Amino acid sequence: MTLALLTEFFFWCCVINGFLLTLWVILMMFAPDLVYKTQYKWFPISRESFSETMYRFLGLFKLMFLVFNLVPLVALKLIA
């Protein structure tokens, strides 16, 4: 596996996961009721619990994105 291939792999991981993170943030900002109603069909929880859970998962996803996608990409760019 070459350095260029690894760099390209992490670049596309960043693009895909960055898109998912952005989509999630936009949905939670502009259509939280839609997201809640959709999820309530599978997991009947209170609105407050749902908001707290989504906030925690969003933070966890952001940390995972940074640690496992962005940091390796930056490290590979610095090496090259």
N, C-alpha and C. Protein backbone atom coordinates (compact mmCIF):
# COMPACT_ATOMS: atom_id res chain seq x y z
N MET A 1 0.85 -1.17 0.00
CA MET A 1 0.00 0.00 0.00
C MET A 1 0.90 1.23 0.00
N THR A 2 0.66 2.11 -0.92
CA THR A 2 1.50 3.30 -1.06
C THR A 2 0.95 4.45 -0.21
N LEU A 3 1.82 5.42 -0.01
CA LEU A 3 1.44 6.61 0.75
C LEU A 3 0.33 7.38 0.03
N ALA A 4 0.41 7.43 -1.29
CA ALA A 4 -0.60 8.15 -2.07
C ALA A 4 -1.97 7.46 -1.96
N LEU A 5 -1.97 6.14 -1.97
CA LEU A 5 -3.23 5.40 -1.85
C LEU A 5 -3.86 5.61 -0.46
N LEU A 6 -3.04 5.57 0.58
CA LEU A 6 -3.54 5.81 1.92
C LEU A 6 -4.08 7.23 2.07
N THR A 7 -3.38 8.17 1.50
CA THR A 7 -3.82 9.56 1.56
C THR A 7 -5.16 9.73 0.85
N GLU A 8 -5.30 9.11 -0.30
CA GLU A 8 -6.57 9.19 -1.03
C GLU A 8 -7.70 8.50 -0.27
N PHE A 9 -7.39 7.37 0.35
CA PHE A 9 -8.39 6.66 1.15
C PHE A 9 -8.90 7.53 2.28
N PHE A 10 -8.00 8.15 3.05
CA PHE A 10 -8.42 8.98 4.16
C PHE A 10 -9.10 10.26 3.69
N PHE A 11 -8.72 10.74 2.52
CA PHE A 11 -9.40 11.90 1.96
C PHE A 11 -10.87 11.59 1.70
N TRP A 12 -11.12 10.45 1.05
CA TRP A 12 -12.51 10.09 0.75
C TRP A 12 -13.29 9.71 2.00
N CYS A 13 -12.61 9.15 3.00
CA CYS A 13 -13.26 8.91 4.29
C CYS A 13 -13.69 10.24 4.91
N CYS A 14 -12.83 11.24 4.82
CA CYS A 14 -13.16 12.57 5.36
C CYS A 14 -14.33 13.19 4.60
N VAL A 15 -14.34 13.04 3.30
CA VAL A 15 -15.42 13.61 2.49
C VAL A 15 -16.76 12.96 2.85
N ILE A 16 -16.78 11.64 2.88
CA ILE A 16 -18.04 10.93 3.16
C ILE A 16 -18.51 11.19 4.59
N ASN A 17 -17.63 11.02 5.56
CA ASN A 17 -18.03 11.23 6.95
C ASN A 17 -18.29 12.70 7.26
N GLY A 18 -17.59 13.60 6.60
CA GLY A 18 -17.87 15.03 6.77
C GLY A 18 -19.25 15.38 6.23
N PHE A 19 -19.61 14.77 5.11
CA PHE A 19 -20.95 14.97 4.56
C PHE A 19 -22.02 14.46 5.52
N LEU A 20 -21.81 13.26 6.06
CA LEU A 20 -22.78 12.70 7.01
C LEU A 20 -22.90 13.56 8.26
N LEU A 21 -21.79 14.05 8.77
CA LEU A 21 -21.81 14.92 9.94
C LEU A 21 -22.54 16.21 9.64
N THR A 22 -22.27 16.81 8.51
CA THR A 22 -22.95 18.04 8.11
C THR A 22 -24.45 17.82 7.92
N LEU A 23 -24.81 16.72 7.27
CA LEU A 23 -26.22 16.40 7.07
C LEU A 23 -26.94 16.22 8.40
N TRP A 24 -26.30 15.53 9.33
CA TRP A 24 -26.88 15.29 10.65
C TRP A 24 -27.09 16.61 11.40
N VAL A 25 -26.09 17.49 11.34
CA VAL A 25 -26.21 18.79 12.01
C VAL A 25 -27.33 19.61 11.39
N ILE A 26 -27.40 19.64 10.07
CA ILE A 26 -28.45 20.41 9.38
C ILE A 26 -29.83 19.86 9.73
N LEU A 27 -29.98 18.54 9.72
CA LEU A 27 -31.27 17.95 10.08
C LEU A 27 -31.65 18.28 11.52
N MET A 28 -30.70 18.22 12.42
CA MET A 28 -31.00 18.50 13.83
C MET A 28 -31.24 19.99 14.07
N MET A 29 -30.71 20.84 13.23
CA MET A 29 -30.93 22.28 13.39
C MET A 29 -32.25 22.73 12.78
N PHE A 30 -32.56 22.23 11.57
CA PHE A 30 -33.70 22.75 10.83
C PHE A 30 -34.93 21.85 10.80
N ALA A 31 -34.76 20.57 11.15
CA ALA A 31 -35.92 19.66 11.14
C ALA A 31 -35.87 18.69 12.32
N PRO A 32 -35.70 19.20 13.54
CA PRO A 32 -35.60 18.27 14.67
C PRO A 32 -36.90 17.50 14.92
N ASP A 33 -38.05 18.12 14.62
CA ASP A 33 -39.32 17.42 14.83
C ASP A 33 -39.47 16.24 13.88
N LEU A 34 -39.04 16.42 12.64
CA LEU A 34 -39.09 15.33 11.67
C LEU A 34 -38.21 14.17 12.11
N VAL A 35 -37.02 14.47 12.56
CA VAL A 35 -36.10 13.42 13.03
C VAL A 35 -36.69 12.72 14.24
N TYR A 36 -37.24 13.51 15.16
CA TYR A 36 -37.83 12.92 16.37
C TYR A 36 -39.01 12.01 16.03
N LYS A 37 -39.90 12.47 15.17
CA LYS A 37 -41.07 11.67 14.80
C LYS A 37 -40.66 10.38 14.10
N THR A 38 -39.65 10.46 13.26
CA THR A 38 -39.17 9.28 12.55
C THR A 38 -38.58 8.27 13.53
N GLN A 39 -37.76 8.75 14.46
CA GLN A 39 -37.12 7.85 15.41
C GLN A 39 -38.07 7.35 16.48
N TYR A 40 -39.09 8.13 16.80
CA TYR A 40 -40.04 7.75 17.85
C TYR A 40 -40.81 6.49 17.49
N LYS A 41 -40.96 6.24 16.19
CA LYS A 41 -41.67 5.02 15.76
C LYS A 41 -40.92 3.76 16.21
N TRP A 42 -39.58 3.83 16.24
CA TRP A 42 -38.78 2.68 16.64
C TRP A 42 -38.43 2.70 18.13
N PHE A 43 -38.14 3.89 18.64
CA PHE A 43 -37.69 4.04 20.02
C PHE A 43 -38.55 5.08 20.74
N PRO A 44 -39.61 4.67 21.40
CA PRO A 44 -40.48 5.64 22.07
C PRO A 44 -39.83 6.21 23.34
N ILE A 45 -39.19 7.36 23.20
CA ILE A 45 -38.58 8.05 24.34
C ILE A 45 -39.10 9.48 24.36
N SER A 46 -38.87 10.15 25.46
CA SER A 46 -39.35 11.53 25.57
C SER A 46 -38.51 12.44 24.68
N ARG A 47 -39.07 13.59 24.39
CA ARG A 47 -38.40 14.56 23.52
C ARG A 47 -37.09 15.04 24.15
N GLU A 48 -37.08 15.26 25.46
CA GLU A 48 -35.88 15.72 26.14
C GLU A 48 -34.77 14.68 26.08
N SER A 49 -35.14 13.43 26.32
CA SER A 49 -34.15 12.34 26.24
C SER A 49 -33.61 12.20 24.82
N PHE A 50 -34.50 12.35 23.85
CA PHE A 50 -34.08 12.26 22.45
C PHE A 50 -33.08 13.36 22.11
N SER A 51 -33.37 14.58 22.51
CA SER A 51 -32.48 15.70 22.21
C SER A 51 -31.11 15.50 22.87
N GLU A 52 -31.12 15.06 24.12
CA GLU A 52 -29.86 14.83 24.82
C GLU A 52 -29.07 13.70 24.17
N THR A 53 -29.76 12.63 23.80
CA THR A 53 -29.09 11.50 23.16
C THR A 53 -28.50 11.89 21.81
N MET A 54 -29.25 12.64 21.01
CA MET A 54 -28.74 13.09 19.71
C MET A 54 -27.53 14.00 19.88
N TYR A 55 -27.58 14.88 20.87
CA TYR A 55 -26.45 15.78 21.14
C TYR A 55 -25.20 14.98 21.51
N ARG A 56 -25.39 13.95 22.34
CA ARG A 56 -24.24 13.13 22.74
C ARG A 56 -23.69 12.34 21.56
N PHE A 57 -24.58 11.73 20.77
CA PHE A 57 -24.12 10.97 19.60
C PHE A 57 -23.46 11.87 18.57
N LEU A 58 -23.96 13.07 18.41
CA LEU A 58 -23.35 14.01 17.47
C LEU A 58 -21.94 14.37 17.93
N GLY A 59 -21.78 14.61 19.21
CA GLY A 59 -20.45 14.89 19.74
C GLY A 59 -19.50 13.72 19.59
N LEU A 60 -20.00 12.51 19.85
CA LEU A 60 -19.18 11.32 19.69
C LEU A 60 -18.79 11.11 18.23
N PHE A 61 -19.73 11.30 17.33
CA PHE A 61 -19.43 11.15 15.90
C PHE A 61 -18.39 12.18 15.46
N LYS A 62 -18.51 13.40 15.96
CA LYS A 62 -17.54 14.44 15.61
C LYS A 62 -16.14 14.07 16.11
N LEU A 63 -16.05 13.58 17.34
CA LEU A 63 -14.75 13.15 17.86
C LEU A 63 -14.17 12.00 17.06
N MET A 64 -15.01 11.02 16.73
CA MET A 64 -14.55 9.89 15.94
C MET A 64 -14.10 10.33 14.55
N PHE A 65 -14.82 11.28 13.98
CA PHE A 65 -14.44 11.82 12.68
C PHE A 65 -13.07 12.47 12.75
N LEU A 66 -12.86 13.27 13.77
CA LEU A 66 -11.58 13.95 13.91
C LEU A 66 -10.44 12.97 14.15
N VAL A 67 -10.63 12.03 15.07
CA VAL A 67 -9.56 11.12 15.47
C VAL A 67 -9.24 10.09 14.39
N PHE A 68 -10.26 9.52 13.77
CA PHE A 68 -10.03 8.41 12.85
C PHE A 68 -10.04 8.79 11.37
N ASN A 69 -10.38 10.03 11.03
CA ASN A 69 -10.39 10.44 9.64
C ASN A 69 -9.48 11.64 9.38
N LEU A 70 -9.73 12.72 10.08
CA LEU A 70 -9.02 13.96 9.79
C LEU A 70 -7.57 13.94 10.26
N VAL A 71 -7.32 13.47 11.47
CA VAL A 71 -5.95 13.44 11.98
C VAL A 71 -5.05 12.54 11.14
N PRO A 72 -5.47 11.32 10.77
CA PRO A 72 -4.60 10.53 9.89
C PRO A 72 -4.37 11.18 8.53
N LEU A 73 -5.38 11.86 8.00
CA LEU A 73 -5.19 12.54 6.72
C LEU A 73 -4.16 13.65 6.85
N VAL A 74 -4.26 14.44 7.89
CA VAL A 74 -3.29 15.52 8.10
C VAL A 74 -1.90 14.96 8.31
N ALA A 75 -1.79 13.88 9.07
CA ALA A 75 -0.48 13.25 9.30
C ALA A 75 0.12 12.74 7.99
N LEU A 76 -0.69 12.13 7.16
CA LEU A 76 -0.20 11.64 5.86
C LEU A 76 0.21 12.80 4.96
N LYS A 77 -0.55 13.89 5.00
CA LYS A 77 -0.19 15.07 4.19
C LYS A 77 1.14 15.65 4.67
N LEU A 78 1.36 15.65 5.98
CA LEU A 78 2.62 16.18 6.51
C LEU A 78 3.80 15.30 6.15
N ILE A 79 3.59 13.99 6.11
CA ILE A 79 4.66 13.06 5.76
C ILE A 79 5.05 13.21 4.30
N ALA A 80 4.07 13.39 3.44
CA ALA A 80 4.33 13.42 1.98
C ALA A 80 5.07 14.67 1.56
